[in-house]
PDB file of N, CA and C in Angstrom:
ATOM      1  N   MET A   1       0.823  -1.188   0.000  1.00  0.00           N
ATOM      2  CA  MET A   1       0.000   0.000   0.000  1.00  0.00           C
ATOM      3  C   MET A   1       0.867   1.252   0.000  1.00  0.00           C
ATOM      4  N   ARG A   2       2.011   1.200   0.617  1.00  0.00           N
ATOM      5  CA  ARG A   2       2.883   2.367   0.689  1.00  0.00           C
ATOM      6  C   ARG A   2       3.251   2.872  -0.700  1.00  0.00           C
ATOM      7  N   GLY A   3       3.518   1.958  -1.649  1.00  0.00           N
ATOM      8  CA  GLY A   3       3.841   2.350  -3.016  1.00  0.00           C
ATOM      9  C   GLY A   3       2.701   3.086  -3.678  1.00  0.00           C
ATOM     10  N   ILE A   4       1.472   2.638  -3.458  1.00  0.00           N
ATOM     11  CA  ILE A   4       0.302   3.299  -4.029  1.00  0.00           C
ATOM     12  C   ILE A   4       0.172   4.702  -3.456  1.00  0.00           C
ATOM     13  N   ILE A   5       0.340   4.839  -2.155  1.00  0.00           N
ATOM     14  CA  ILE A   5       0.187   6.142  -1.518  1.00  0.00           C
ATOM     15  C   ILE A   5       1.232   7.113  -2.038  1.00  0.00           C
ATOM     16  N   ILE A   6       2.466   6.674  -2.157  1.00  0.00           N
ATOM     17  CA  ILE A   6       3.517   7.544  -2.686  1.00  0.00           C
ATOM     18  C   ILE A   6       3.193   7.955  -4.110  1.00  0.00           C
ATOM     19  N   PHE A   7       2.790   7.010  -4.955  1.00  0.00           N
ATOM     20  CA  PHE A   7       2.452   7.309  -6.337  1.00  0.00           C
ATOM     21  C   PHE A   7       1.302   8.298  -6.418  1.00  0.00           C
ATOM     22  N   LEU A   8       0.253   8.057  -5.654  1.00  0.00           N
ATOM     23  CA  LEU A   8      -0.912   8.931  -5.683  1.00  0.00           C
ATOM     24  C   LEU A   8      -0.566  10.314  -5.152  1.00  0.00           C
ATOM     25  N   ALA A   9       0.297  10.391  -4.170  1.00  0.00           N
ATOM     26  CA  ALA A   9       0.697  11.692  -3.641  1.00  0.00           C
ATOM     27  C   ALA A   9       1.422  12.506  -4.711  1.00  0.00           C
ATOM     28  N   LEU A  10       2.260  11.854  -5.472  1.00  0.00           N
ATOM     29  CA  LEU A  10       2.970  12.547  -6.545  1.00  0.00           C
ATOM     30  C   LEU A  10       2.011  13.034  -7.622  1.00  0.00           C
ATOM     31  N   LEU A  11       1.027  12.229  -7.965  1.00  0.00           N
ATOM     32  CA  LEU A  11       0.082  12.605  -9.008  1.00  0.00           C
ATOM     33  C   LEU A  11      -0.898  13.672  -8.562  1.00  0.00           C
ATOM     34  N   SER A  12      -1.331  13.593  -7.331  1.00  0.00           N
ATOM     35  CA  SER A  12      -2.437  14.432  -6.911  1.00  0.00           C
ATOM     36  C   SER A  12      -2.012  15.773  -6.324  1.00  0.00           C
ATOM     37  N   GLY A  13      -0.744  15.985  -6.082  1.00  0.00           N
ATOM     38  CA  GLY A  13      -0.296  17.266  -5.576  1.00  0.00           C
ATOM     39  C   GLY A  13      -0.283  17.325  -4.068  1.00  0.00           C
ATOM     40  N   PRO A  14       0.303  18.368  -3.522  1.00  0.00           N
ATOM     41  CA  PRO A  14       0.507  18.440  -2.085  1.00  0.00           C
ATOM     42  C   PRO A  14      -0.767  18.616  -1.278  1.00  0.00           C
ATOM     43  N   ALA A  15      -1.832  19.174  -1.842  1.00  0.00           N
ATOM     44  CA  ALA A  15      -3.026  19.463  -1.061  1.00  0.00           C
ATOM     45  C   ALA A  15      -3.953  18.266  -0.904  1.00  0.00           C
ATOM     46  N   ALA A  16      -3.784  17.225  -1.704  1.00  0.00           N
ATOM     47  CA  ALA A  16      -4.706  16.090  -1.682  1.00  0.00           C
ATOM     48  C   ALA A  16      -4.211  14.995  -0.745  1.00  0.00           C
ATOM     49  N   ALA A  17      -5.148  14.310  -0.097  1.00  0.00           N
ATOM     50  CA  ALA A  17      -4.800  13.154   0.730  1.00  0.00           C
ATOM     51  C   ALA A  17      -4.534  11.974  -0.184  1.00  0.00           C
ATOM     52  N   ALA A  18      -3.415  11.309   0.016  1.00  0.00           N
ATOM     53  CA  ALA A  18      -3.016  10.240  -0.888  1.00  0.00           C
ATOM     54  C   ALA A  18      -3.873   8.998  -0.758  1.00  0.00           C
ATOM     55  N   ASP A  19      -4.561   8.820   0.358  1.00  0.00           N
ATOM     56  CA  ASP A  19      -5.357   7.613   0.532  1.00  0.00           C
ATOM     57  C   ASP A  19      -6.848   7.845   0.275  1.00  0.00           C
ATOM     58  N   GLN A  20      -7.228   9.047  -0.120  1.00  0.00           N
ATOM     59  CA  GLN A  20      -8.609   9.367  -0.475  1.00  0.00           C
ATOM     60  C   GLN A  20      -8.581  10.243  -1.713  1.00  0.00           C
ATOM     61  N   PHE A  21      -9.251   9.790  -2.766  1.00  0.00           N
ATOM     62  CA  PHE A  21      -9.193  10.514  -4.035  1.00  0.00           C
ATOM     63  C   PHE A  21     -10.357  10.090  -4.917  1.00  0.00           C
ATOM     64  N   ASP A  22     -10.637  10.877  -5.903  1.00  0.00           N
ATOM     65  CA  ASP A  22     -11.590  10.519  -6.944  1.00  0.00           C
ATOM     66  C   ASP A  22     -10.812  10.111  -8.178  1.00  0.00           C
ATOM     67  N   LEU A  23     -11.416   9.277  -8.986  1.00  0.00           N
ATOM     68  CA  LEU A  23     -10.854   8.888 -10.270  1.00  0.00           C
ATOM     69  C   LEU A  23     -11.838   9.267 -11.358  1.00  0.00           C
ATOM     70  N   ALA A  24     -11.373  10.040 -12.315  1.00  0.00           N
ATOM     71  CA  ALA A  24     -12.165  10.378 -13.492  1.00  0.00           C
ATOM     72  C   ALA A  24     -11.628   9.508 -14.624  1.00  0.00           C
ATOM     73  N   CYS A  25     -12.405   8.498 -15.001  1.00  0.00           N
ATOM     74  CA  CYS A  25     -11.940   7.505 -15.968  1.00  0.00           C
ATOM     75  C   CYS A  25     -12.669   7.685 -17.295  1.00  0.00           C
ATOM     76  N   LYS A  26     -11.888   7.593 -18.376  1.00  0.00           N
ATOM     77  CA  LYS A  26     -12.455   7.799 -19.708  1.00  0.00           C
ATOM     78  C   LYS A  26     -11.923   6.764 -20.682  1.00  0.00           C
ATOM     79  N   ALA A  27     -12.812   6.327 -21.547  1.00  0.00           N
ATOM     80  CA  ALA A  27     -12.473   5.478 -22.684  1.00  0.00           C
ATOM     81  C   ALA A  27     -13.327   6.012 -23.845  1.00  0.00           C
ATOM     82  N   ARG A  28     -13.193   5.424 -24.979  1.00  0.00           N
ATOM     83  CA  ARG A  28     -14.008   5.867 -26.108  1.00  0.00           C
ATOM     84  C   ARG A  28     -15.493   5.783 -25.744  1.00  0.00           C
ATOM     85  N   ASN A  29     -16.219   6.853 -25.776  1.00  0.00           N
ATOM     86  CA  ASN A  29     -17.666   6.920 -25.525  1.00  0.00           C
ATOM     87  C   ASN A  29     -18.104   6.491 -24.123  1.00  0.00           C
ATOM     88  N   VAL A  30     -17.187   6.305 -23.186  1.00  0.00           N
ATOM     89  CA  VAL A  30     -17.552   5.885 -21.827  1.00  0.00           C
ATOM     90  C   VAL A  30     -16.769   6.724 -20.824  1.00  0.00           C
ATOM     91  N   THR A  31     -17.479   7.236 -19.815  1.00  0.00           N
ATOM     92  CA  THR A  31     -16.817   7.903 -18.695  1.00  0.00           C
ATOM     93  C   THR A  31     -17.402   7.363 -17.398  1.00  0.00           C
ATOM     94  N   GLU A  32     -16.570   7.238 -16.397  1.00  0.00           N
ATOM     95  CA  GLU A  32     -17.002   6.811 -15.070  1.00  0.00           C
ATOM     96  C   GLU A  32     -16.265   7.659 -14.050  1.00  0.00           C
ATOM     97  N   HIS A  33     -16.927   7.912 -12.944  1.00  0.00           N
ATOM     98  CA  HIS A  33     -16.335   8.677 -11.856  1.00  0.00           C
ATOM     99  C   HIS A  33     -16.405   7.811 -10.592  1.00  0.00           C
ATOM    100  N   TYR A  34     -15.251   7.546 -10.008  1.00  0.00           N
ATOM    101  CA  TYR A  34     -15.178   6.739  -8.796  1.00  0.00           C
ATOM    102  C   TYR A  34     -14.659   7.595  -7.650  1.00  0.00           C
ATOM    103  N   ARG A  35     -15.184   7.341  -6.460  1.00  0.00           N
ATOM    104  CA  ARG A  35     -14.652   7.923  -5.230  1.00  0.00           C
ATOM    105  C   ARG A  35     -13.976   6.773  -4.486  1.00  0.00           C
ATOM    106  N   VAL A  36     -12.709   6.948  -4.151  1.00  0.00           N
ATOM    107  CA  VAL A  36     -11.925   5.867  -3.564  1.00  0.00           C
ATOM    108  C   VAL A  36     -11.358   6.312  -2.218  1.00  0.00           C
ATOM    109  N   ASP A  37     -11.592   5.495  -1.206  1.00  0.00           N
ATOM    110  CA  ASP A  37     -11.088   5.744   0.139  1.00  0.00           C
ATOM    111  C   ASP A  37     -10.268   4.523   0.557  1.00  0.00           C
ATOM    112  N   LEU A  38      -8.970   4.562   0.255  1.00  0.00           N
ATOM    113  CA  LEU A  38      -8.095   3.432   0.581  1.00  0.00           C
ATOM    114  C   LEU A  38      -7.973   3.237   2.085  1.00  0.00           C
ATOM    115  N   ALA A  39      -8.004   4.320   2.850  1.00  0.00           N
ATOM    116  CA  ALA A  39      -7.849   4.237   4.301  1.00  0.00           C
ATOM    117  C   ALA A  39      -8.940   3.377   4.929  1.00  0.00           C
ATOM    118  N   ASN A  40     -10.158   3.482   4.408  1.00  0.00           N
ATOM    119  CA  ASN A  40     -11.281   2.714   4.946  1.00  0.00           C
ATOM    120  C   ASN A  40     -11.689   1.548   4.055  1.00  0.00           C
ATOM    121  N   GLY A  41     -10.950   1.342   2.959  1.00  0.00           N
ATOM    122  CA  GLY A  41     -11.228   0.214   2.063  1.00  0.00           C
ATOM    123  C   GLY A  41     -12.560   0.310   1.351  1.00  0.00           C
ATOM    124  N   GLN A  42     -12.990   1.526   1.006  1.00  0.00           N
ATOM    125  CA  GLN A  42     -14.296   1.728   0.391  1.00  0.00           C
ATOM    126  C   GLN A  42     -14.190   2.468  -0.937  1.00  0.00           C
ATOM    127  N   TRP A  43     -15.225   2.305  -1.753  1.00  0.00           N
ATOM    128  CA  TRP A  43     -15.327   3.054  -3.000  1.00  0.00           C
ATOM    129  C   TRP A  43     -16.792   3.121  -3.417  1.00  0.00           C
ATOM    130  N   CYS A  44     -17.081   4.030  -4.308  1.00  0.00           N
ATOM    131  CA  CYS A  44     -18.401   4.119  -4.905  1.00  0.00           C
ATOM    132  C   CYS A  44     -18.252   4.788  -6.269  1.00  0.00           C
ATOM    133  N   SER A  45     -19.309   4.756  -7.046  1.00  0.00           N
ATOM    134  CA  SER A  45     -19.267   5.385  -8.366  1.00  0.00           C
ATOM    135  C   SER A  45     -20.489   6.272  -8.559  1.00  0.00           C
ATOM    136  N   GLY A  46     -20.382   7.144  -9.546  1.00  0.00           N
ATOM    137  CA  GLY A  46     -21.502   8.018  -9.878  1.00  0.00           C
ATOM    138  C   GLY A  46     -21.937   8.868  -8.696  1.00  0.00           C
ATOM    139  N   ASP A  47     -23.226   8.784  -8.367  1.00  0.00           N
ATOM    140  CA  ASP A  47     -23.789   9.556  -7.260  1.00  0.00           C
ATOM    141  C   ASP A  47     -23.499   8.938  -5.894  1.00  0.00           C
ATOM    142  N   CYS A  48     -22.773   7.852  -5.871  1.00  0.00           N
ATOM    143  CA  CYS A  48     -22.341   7.209  -4.626  1.00  0.00           C
ATOM    144  C   CYS A  48     -23.525   6.648  -3.838  1.00  0.00           C
ATOM    145  N   ASP A  49     -24.519   6.134  -4.554  1.00  0.00           N
ATOM    146  CA  ASP A  49     -25.693   5.593  -3.873  1.00  0.00           C
ATOM    147  C   ASP A  49     -25.450   4.196  -3.314  1.00  0.00           C
ATOM    148  N   ARG A  50     -24.388   3.536  -3.750  1.00  0.00           N
ATOM    149  CA  ARG A  50     -24.034   2.209  -3.243  1.00  0.00           C
ATOM    150  C   ARG A  50     -22.545   2.187  -2.907  1.00  0.00           C
ATOM    151  N   ILE A  51     -22.221   2.093  -1.651  1.00  0.00           N
ATOM    152  CA  ILE A  51     -20.828   2.081  -1.213  1.00  0.00           C
ATOM    153  C   ILE A  51     -20.371   0.636  -1.104  1.00  0.00           C
ATOM    154  N   ARG A  52     -19.201   0.362  -1.654  1.00  0.00           N
ATOM    155  CA  ARG A  52     -18.691  -1.011  -1.705  1.00  0.00           C
ATOM    156  C   ARG A  52     -17.314  -1.087  -1.063  1.00  0.00           C
ATOM    157  N   LEU A  53     -16.912  -2.295  -0.745  1.00  0.00           N
ATOM    158  CA  LEU A  53     -15.576  -2.536  -0.209  1.00  0.00           C
ATOM    159  C   LEU A  53     -14.603  -2.794  -1.355  1.00  0.00           C
ATOM    160  N   ILE A  54     -13.393  -2.271  -1.223  1.00  0.00           N
ATOM    161  CA  ILE A  54     -12.341  -2.527  -2.203  1.00  0.00           C
ATOM    162  C   ILE A  54     -11.944  -3.989  -2.080  1.00  0.00           C
ATOM    163  N   VAL A  55     -11.836  -4.676  -3.214  1.00  0.00           N
ATOM    164  CA  VAL A  55     -11.517  -6.105  -3.223  1.00  0.00           C
ATOM    165  C   VAL A  55     -10.049  -6.344  -2.887  1.00  0.00           C
ATOM    166  N   GLU A  56      -9.154  -5.608  -3.539  1.00  0.00           N
ATOM    167  CA  GLU A  56      -7.722  -5.820  -3.331  1.00  0.00           C
ATOM    168  C   GLU A  56      -6.960  -4.561  -3.713  1.00  0.00           C
ATOM    169  N   GLU A  57      -5.877  -4.343  -2.995  1.00  0.00           N
ATOM    170  CA  GLU A  57      -5.028  -3.182  -3.257  1.00  0.00           C
ATOM    171  C   GLU A  57      -3.573  -3.624  -3.147  1.00  0.00           C
ATOM    172  N   THR A  58      -2.837  -3.468  -4.240  1.00  0.00           N
ATOM    173  CA  THR A  58      -1.405  -3.757  -4.257  1.00  0.00           C
ATOM    174  C   THR A  58      -0.706  -2.548  -4.878  1.00  0.00           C
ATOM    175  N   PRO A  59       0.617  -2.492  -4.839  1.00  0.00           N
ATOM    176  CA  PRO A  59       1.312  -1.371  -5.476  1.00  0.00           C
ATOM    177  C   PRO A  59       1.044  -1.282  -6.984  1.00  0.00           C
ATOM    178  N   ASN A  60       0.701  -2.395  -7.609  1.00  0.00           N
ATOM    179  CA  ASN A  60       0.509  -2.419  -9.062  1.00  0.00           C
ATOM    180  C   ASN A  60      -0.939  -2.340  -9.513  1.00  0.00           C
ATOM    181  N   GLU A  61      -1.886  -2.575  -8.601  1.00  0.00           N
ATOM    182  CA  GLU A  61      -3.273  -2.707  -9.035  1.00  0.00           C
ATOM    183  C   GLU A  61      -4.230  -2.423  -7.878  1.00  0.00           C
ATOM    184  N   ILE A  62      -5.315  -1.717  -8.193  1.00  0.00           N
ATOM    185  CA  ILE A  62      -6.419  -1.556  -7.255  1.00  0.00           C
ATOM    186  C   ILE A  62      -7.622  -2.232  -7.890  1.00  0.00           C
ATOM    187  N   VAL A  63      -8.134  -3.273  -7.233  1.00  0.00           N
ATOM    188  CA  VAL A  63      -9.307  -3.992  -7.731  1.00  0.00           C
ATOM    189  C   VAL A  63     -10.509  -3.482  -6.944  1.00  0.00           C
ATOM    190  N   LEU A  64     -11.330  -2.691  -7.614  1.00  0.00           N
ATOM    191  CA  LEU A  64     -12.510  -2.153  -6.955  1.00  0.00           C
ATOM    192  C   LEU A  64     -13.606  -3.203  -6.870  1.00  0.00           C
ATOM    193  N   GLU A  65     -13.770  -3.959  -7.931  1.00  0.00           N
ATOM    194  CA  GLU A  65     -14.827  -4.972  -7.962  1.00  0.00           C
ATOM    195  C   GLU A  65     -14.338  -6.179  -8.749  1.00  0.00           C
ATOM    196  N   GLU A  66     -14.725  -7.351  -8.303  1.00  0.00           N
ATOM    197  CA  GLU A  66     -14.401  -8.575  -9.039  1.00  0.00           C
ATOM    198  C   GLU A  66     -15.465  -9.616  -8.714  1.00  0.00           C
ATOM    199  N   HIS A  67     -15.984 -10.225  -9.749  1.00  0.00           N
ATOM    200  CA  HIS A  67     -17.021 -11.240  -9.558  1.00  0.00           C
ATOM    201  C   HIS A  67     -16.754 -12.398 -10.515  1.00  0.00           C
ATOM    202  N   GLU A  68     -16.643 -13.567  -9.967  1.00  0.00           N
ATOM    203  CA  GLU A  68     -16.509 -14.792 -10.754  1.00  0.00           C
ATOM    204  C   GLU A  68     -17.837 -15.544 -10.691  1.00  0.00           C
ATOM    205  N   PRO A  69     -18.214 -16.215 -11.765  1.00  0.00           N
ATOM    206  CA  PRO A  69     -19.481 -16.958 -11.762  1.00  0.00           C
ATOM    207  C   PRO A  69     -19.524 -18.010 -10.653  1.00  0.00           C
ATOM    208  N   THR A  70     -20.656 -18.080  -9.977  1.00  0.00           N
ATOM    209  CA  THR A  70     -20.836 -19.078  -8.923  1.00  0.00           C
ATOM    210  C   THR A  70     -21.908 -20.104  -9.287  1.00  0.00           C
ATOM    211  N   PHE A  71     -22.591 -19.887 -10.397  1.00  0.00           N
ATOM    212  CA  PHE A  71     -23.600 -20.825 -10.875  1.00  0.00           C
ATOM    213  C   PHE A  71     -23.761 -20.634 -12.386  1.00  0.00           C
ATOM    214  N   SER A  72     -24.328 -21.609 -13.040  1.00  0.00           N
ATOM    215  CA  SER A  72     -24.555 -21.530 -14.479  1.00  0.00           C
ATOM    216  C   SER A  72     -25.447 -20.332 -14.784  1.00  0.00           C
ATOM    217  N   GLY A  73     -25.026 -19.489 -15.699  1.00  0.00           N
ATOM    218  CA  GLY A  73     -25.796 -18.306 -16.051  1.00  0.00           C
ATOM    219  C   GLY A  73     -25.370 -17.055 -15.308  1.00  0.00           C
ATOM    220  N   ASP A  74     -24.423 -17.193 -14.368  1.00  0.00           N
ATOM    221  CA  ASP A  74     -23.930 -16.052 -13.619  1.00  0.00           C
ATOM    222  C   ASP A  74     -22.952 -15.249 -14.484  1.00  0.00           C
ATOM    223  N   TYR A  75     -22.686 -14.016 -14.119  1.00  0.00           N
ATOM    224  CA  TYR A  75     -21.787 -13.162 -14.886  1.00  0.00           C
ATOM    225  C   TYR A  75     -20.371 -13.175 -14.313  1.00  0.00           C
ATOM    226  N   ARG A  76     -19.447 -12.663 -15.104  1.00  0.00           N
ATOM    227  CA  ARG A  76     -18.066 -12.466 -14.692  1.00  0.00           C
ATOM    228  C   ARG A  76     -17.745 -11.000 -14.933  1.00  0.00           C
ATOM    229  N   GLY A  77     -17.116 -10.353 -13.955  1.00  0.00           N
ATOM    230  CA  GLY A  77     -16.812  -8.942 -14.148  1.00  0.00           C
ATOM    231  C   GLY A  77     -15.795  -8.411 -13.173  1.00  0.00           C
ATOM    232  N   TRP A  78     -15.233  -7.237 -13.536  1.00  0.00           N
ATOM    233  CA  TRP A  78     -14.287  -6.569 -12.651  1.00  0.00           C
ATOM    234  C   TRP A  78     -14.144  -5.103 -13.028  1.00  0.00           C
ATOM    235  N   VAL A  79     -13.632  -4.341 -12.061  1.00  0.00           N
ATOM    236  CA  VAL A  79     -13.196  -2.966 -12.270  1.00  0.00           C
ATOM    237  C   VAL A  79     -11.809  -2.885 -11.653  1.00  0.00           C
ATOM    238  N   ARG A  80     -10.817  -2.568 -12.482  1.00  0.00           N
ATOM    239  CA  ARG A  80      -9.425  -2.506 -12.026  1.00  0.00           C
ATOM    240  C   ARG A  80      -8.777  -1.218 -12.503  1.00  0.00           C
ATOM    241  N   VAL A  81      -7.909  -0.676 -11.643  1.00  0.00           N
ATOM    242  CA  VAL A  81      -7.122   0.497 -11.997  1.00  0.00           C
ATOM    243  C   VAL A  81      -5.663   0.168 -11.703  1.00  0.00           C
ATOM    244  N   TYR A  82      -4.794   0.560 -12.623  1.00  0.00           N
ATOM    245  CA  TYR A  82      -3.359   0.313 -12.489  1.00  0.00           C
ATOM    246  C   TYR A  82      -2.669   1.650 -12.229  1.00  0.00           C
ATOM    247  N   PRO A  83      -2.286   1.925 -10.960  1.00  0.00           N
ATOM    248  CA  PRO A  83      -1.794   3.248 -10.584  1.00  0.00           C
ATOM    249  C   PRO A  83      -0.596   3.755 -11.380  1.00  0.00           C
ATOM    250  N   ALA A  84       0.348   2.914 -11.682  1.00  0.00           N
ATOM    251  CA  ALA A  84       1.557   3.384 -12.358  1.00  0.00           C
ATOM    252  C   ALA A  84       1.272   3.962 -13.745  1.00  0.00           C
ATOM    253  N   SER A  85       0.308   3.402 -14.432  1.00  0.00           N
ATOM    254  CA  SER A  85       0.009   3.853 -15.796  1.00  0.00           C
ATOM    255  C   SER A  85      -1.283   4.652 -15.898  1.00  0.00           C
ATOM    256  N   GLY A  86      -2.156   4.526 -14.884  1.00  0.00           N
ATOM    257  CA  GLY A  86      -3.470   5.154 -14.959  1.00  0.00           C
ATOM    258  C   GLY A  86      -4.455   4.346 -15.783  1.00  0.00           C
ATOM    259  N   ASP A  87      -4.053   3.156 -16.229  1.00  0.00           N
ATOM    260  CA  ASP A  87      -4.940   2.313 -17.036  1.00  0.00           C
ATOM    261  C   ASP A  87      -6.137   1.856 -16.207  1.00  0.00           C
ATOM    262  N   TRP A  88      -7.254   1.666 -16.895  1.00  0.00           N
ATOM    263  CA  TRP A  88      -8.523   1.304 -16.259  1.00  0.00           C
ATOM    264  C   TRP A  88      -9.199   0.225 -17.087  1.00  0.00           C
ATOM    265  N   GLU A  89      -9.716  -0.791 -16.406  1.00  0.00           N
ATOM    266  CA  GLU A  89     -10.477  -1.866 -17.048  1.00  0.00           C
ATOM    267  C   GLU A  89     -11.821  -2.013 -16.359  1.00  0.00           C
ATOM    268  N   TRP A  90     -12.863  -2.064 -17.154  1.00  0.00           N
ATOM    269  CA  TRP A  90     -14.214  -2.328 -16.657  1.00  0.00           C
ATOM    270  C   TRP A  90     -14.772  -3.415 -17.560  1.00  0.00           C
ATOM    271  N   TYR A  91     -14.901  -4.595 -17.001  1.00  0.00           N
ATOM    272  CA  TYR A  91     -15.309  -5.760 -17.783  1.00  0.00           C
ATOM    273  C   TYR A  91     -16.515  -6.412 -17.133  1.00  0.00           C
ATOM    274  N   ASN A  92     -17.470  -6.810 -17.958  1.00  0.00           N
ATOM    275  CA  ASN A  92     -18.666  -7.487 -17.469  1.00  0.00           C
ATOM    276  C   ASN A  92     -19.179  -8.382 -18.593  1.00  0.00           C
ATOM    277  N   SER A  93     -19.362  -9.648 -18.294  1.00  0.00           N
ATOM    278  CA  SER A  93     -19.813 -10.578 -19.313  1.00  0.00           C
ATOM    279  C   SER A  93     -20.825 -11.554 -18.731  1.00  0.00           C
ATOM    280  N   GLY A  94     -21.955 -11.677 -19.401  1.00  0.00           N
ATOM    281  CA  GLY A  94     -22.968 -12.653 -18.999  1.00  0.00           C
ATOM    282  C   GLY A  94     -22.549 -14.049 -19.403  1.00  0.00           C
ATOM    283  N   ALA A  95     -23.363 -15.019 -19.085  1.00  0.00           N
ATOM    284  CA  ALA A  95     -23.072 -16.422 -19.412  1.00  0.00           C
ATOM    285  C   ALA A  95     -22.841 -16.570 -20.908  1.00  0.00           C
ATOM    286  N   GLY A  96     -21.777 -17.268 -21.260  1.00  0.00           N
ATOM    287  CA  GLY A  96     -21.463 -17.505 -22.663  1.00  0.00           C
ATOM    288  C   GLY A  96     -21.038 -16.262 -23.415  1.00  0.00           C
ATOM    289  N   GLY A  97     -20.659 -15.205 -22.696  1.00  0.00           N
ATOM    290  CA  GLY A  97     -20.205 -13.978 -23.336  1.00  0.00           C
ATOM    291  C   GLY A  97     -21.335 -13.082 -23.818  1.00  0.00           C
ATOM    292  N   VAL A  98     -22.573 -13.430 -23.491  1.00  0.00           N
ATOM    293  CA  VAL A  98     -23.718 -12.627 -23.916  1.00  0.00           C
ATOM    294  C   VAL A  98     -23.725 -11.306 -23.159  1.00  0.00           C
ATOM    295  N   GLY A  99     -23.876 -10.215 -23.876  1.00  0.00           N
ATOM    296  CA  GLY A  99     -23.931  -8.899 -23.248  1.00  0.00           C
ATOM    297  C   GLY A  99     -22.607  -8.439 -22.677  1.00  0.00           C
ATOM    298  N   THR A 100     -21.522  -8.747 -23.347  1.00  0.00           N
ATOM    299  CA  THR A 100     -20.196  -8.402 -22.834  1.00  0.00           C
ATOM    300  C   THR A 100     -19.902  -6.908 -22.953  1.00  0.00           C
ATOM    301  N   LEU A 101     -19.392  -6.348 -21.864  1.00  0.00           N
ATOM    302  CA  LEU A 101     -18.906  -4.979 -21.811  1.00  0.00           C
ATOM    303  C   LEU A 101     -17.418  -5.067 -21.513  1.00  0.00           C
ATOM    304  N   ASP A 102     -16.582  -4.530 -22.375  1.00  0.00           N
ATOM    305  CA  ASP A 102     -15.132  -4.585 -22.192  1.00  0.00           C
ATOM    306  C   ASP A 102     -14.573  -3.192 -22.468  1.00  0.00           C
ATOM    307  N   VAL A 103     -14.421  -2.406 -21.399  1.00  0.00           N
ATOM    308  CA  VAL A 103     -13.980  -1.026 -21.517  1.00  0.00           C
ATOM    309  C   VAL A 103     -12.554  -0.920 -21.000  1.00  0.00           C
ATOM    310  N   ARG A 104     -11.712  -0.272 -21.776  1.00  0.00           N
ATOM    311  CA  ARG A 104     -10.324  -0.031 -21.363  1.00  0.00           C
ATOM    312  C   ARG A 104      -9.997   1.416 -21.665  1.00  0.00           C
ATOM    313  N   GLY A 105      -9.531   2.120 -20.640  1.00  0.00           N
ATOM    314  CA  GLY A 105      -9.236   3.537 -20.811  1.00  0.00           C
ATOM    315  C   GLY A 105      -8.222   4.005 -19.795  1.00  0.00           C
ATOM    316  N   LYS A 106      -8.277   5.288 -19.484  1.00  0.00           N
ATOM    317  CA  LYS A 106      -7.338   5.917 -18.551  1.00  0.00           C
ATOM    318  C   LYS A 106      -8.102   6.656 -17.466  1.00  0.00           C
ATOM    319  N   CYS A 107      -7.498   6.707 -16.289  1.00  0.00           N
ATOM    320  CA  CYS A 107      -8.065   7.447 -15.170  1.00  0.00           C
ATOM    321  C   CYS A 107      -7.123   8.570 -14.768  1.00  0.00           C
ATOM    322  N   GLU A 108      -7.722   9.675 -14.352  1.00  0.00           N
ATOM    323  CA  GLU A 108      -6.973  10.778 -13.775  1.00  0.00           C
ATOM    324  C   GLU A 108      -7.441  10.975 -12.349  1.00  0.00           C
ATOM    325  N   ILE A 109      -6.515  11.327 -11.482  1.00  0.00           N
ATOM    326  CA  ILE A 109      -6.846  11.563 -10.085  1.00  0.00           C
ATOM    327  C   ILE A 109      -7.449  12.950  -9.943  1.00  0.00           C
ATOM    328  N   ALA A 110      -8.503  13.032  -9.129  1.00  0.00           N
ATOM    329  CA  ALA A 110      -9.176  14.298  -8.841  1.00  0.00           C
ATOM    330  C   ALA A 110      -9.329  14.427  -7.324  1.00  0.00           C
ATOM    331  N   PRO A 111      -9.611  15.630  -6.840  1.00  0.00           N
ATOM    332  CA  PRO A 111      -9.813  15.800  -5.397  1.00  0.00           C
ATOM    333  C   PRO A 111     -10.953  14.916  -4.888  1.00  0.00           C
ATOM    334  N   PHE A 112     -10.791  14.414  -3.698  1.00  0.00           N
ATOM    335  CA  PHE A 112     -11.768  13.519  -3.076  1.00  0.00           C
ATOM    336  C   PHE A 112     -13.062  14.270  -2.789  1.00  0.00           C
ATOM    337  N   SER A 113     -14.171  13.742  -3.293  1.00  0.00           N
ATOM    338  CA  SER A 113     -15.468  14.399  -3.077  1.00  0.00           C
ATOM    339  C   SER A 113     -16.265  13.746  -1.953  1.00  0.00           C
ATOM    340  N   GLY A 114     -15.680  12.745  -1.298  1.00  0.00           N
ATOM    341  CA  GLY A 114     -16.265  12.185  -0.079  1.00  0.00           C
ATOM    342  C   GLY A 114     -17.157  10.996  -0.272  1.00  0.00           C
ATOM    343  N   ILE A 115     -17.234  10.191   0.769  1.00  0.00           N
ATOM    344  CA  ILE A 115     -18.160   9.053   0.874  1.00  0.00           C
ATOM    345  C   ILE A 115     -18.880   9.239   2.197  1.00  0.00           C
ATOM    346  N   ALA A 116     -20.183   9.388   2.135  1.00  0.00           N
ATOM    347  CA  ALA A 116     -20.953   9.809   3.311  1.00  0.00           C
ATOM    348  C   ALA A 116     -21.253   8.712   4.319  1.00  0.00           C
ATOM    349  N   SER A 117     -21.574   7.507   3.871  1.00  0.00           N
ATOM    350  CA  SER A 117     -21.989   6.474   4.814  1.00  0.00           C
ATOM    351  C   SER A 117     -21.113   5.238   4.695  1.00  0.00           C
ATOM    352  N   PRO A 118     -21.125   4.367   5.709  1.00  0.00           N
ATOM    353  CA  PRO A 118     -20.257   3.179   5.685  1.00  0.00           C
ATOM    354  C   PRO A 118     -20.660   2.174   4.604  1.00  0.00           C
ATOM    355  N   ALA A 119     -19.689   1.359   4.191  1.00  0.00           N
ATOM    356  CA  ALA A 119     -19.928   0.323   3.177  1.00  0.00           C
ATOM    357  C   ALA A 119     -20.919  -0.698   3.696  1.00  0.00           C
ATOM    358  N   GLN A 120     -21.684  -1.245   2.755  1.00  0.00           N
ATOM    359  CA  GLN A 120     -22.684  -2.245   3.101  1.00  0.00           C
ATOM    360  C   GLN A 120     -22.300  -3.585   2.534  1.00  0.00           C
TER     361      GLN A 120
END
């Protein structure tokens, strides 16, 4: 985690907290806004109506969401950000690849806009 904090501190400037930040992510025709609180292991997207727990955090990767199929017909998906490059992956695929969403783009760090309530 120390590597992530140092990297984020360099990117976000002296006034921003390195363990709390927003991510403005863009790919062709797709934009997403995430609020990330590494200190409390939480994140949310958009209007922040659903607060979630961060799945995994390493110096090379922040996994916001990951789901592997647990039954026939279940989906597979993830949201990952790679701090060193700013790369972003948002993948979601239904059973047999039906309705696949495969977004790859870049994220920029923005000032933390807050997470109001605890993760559920």
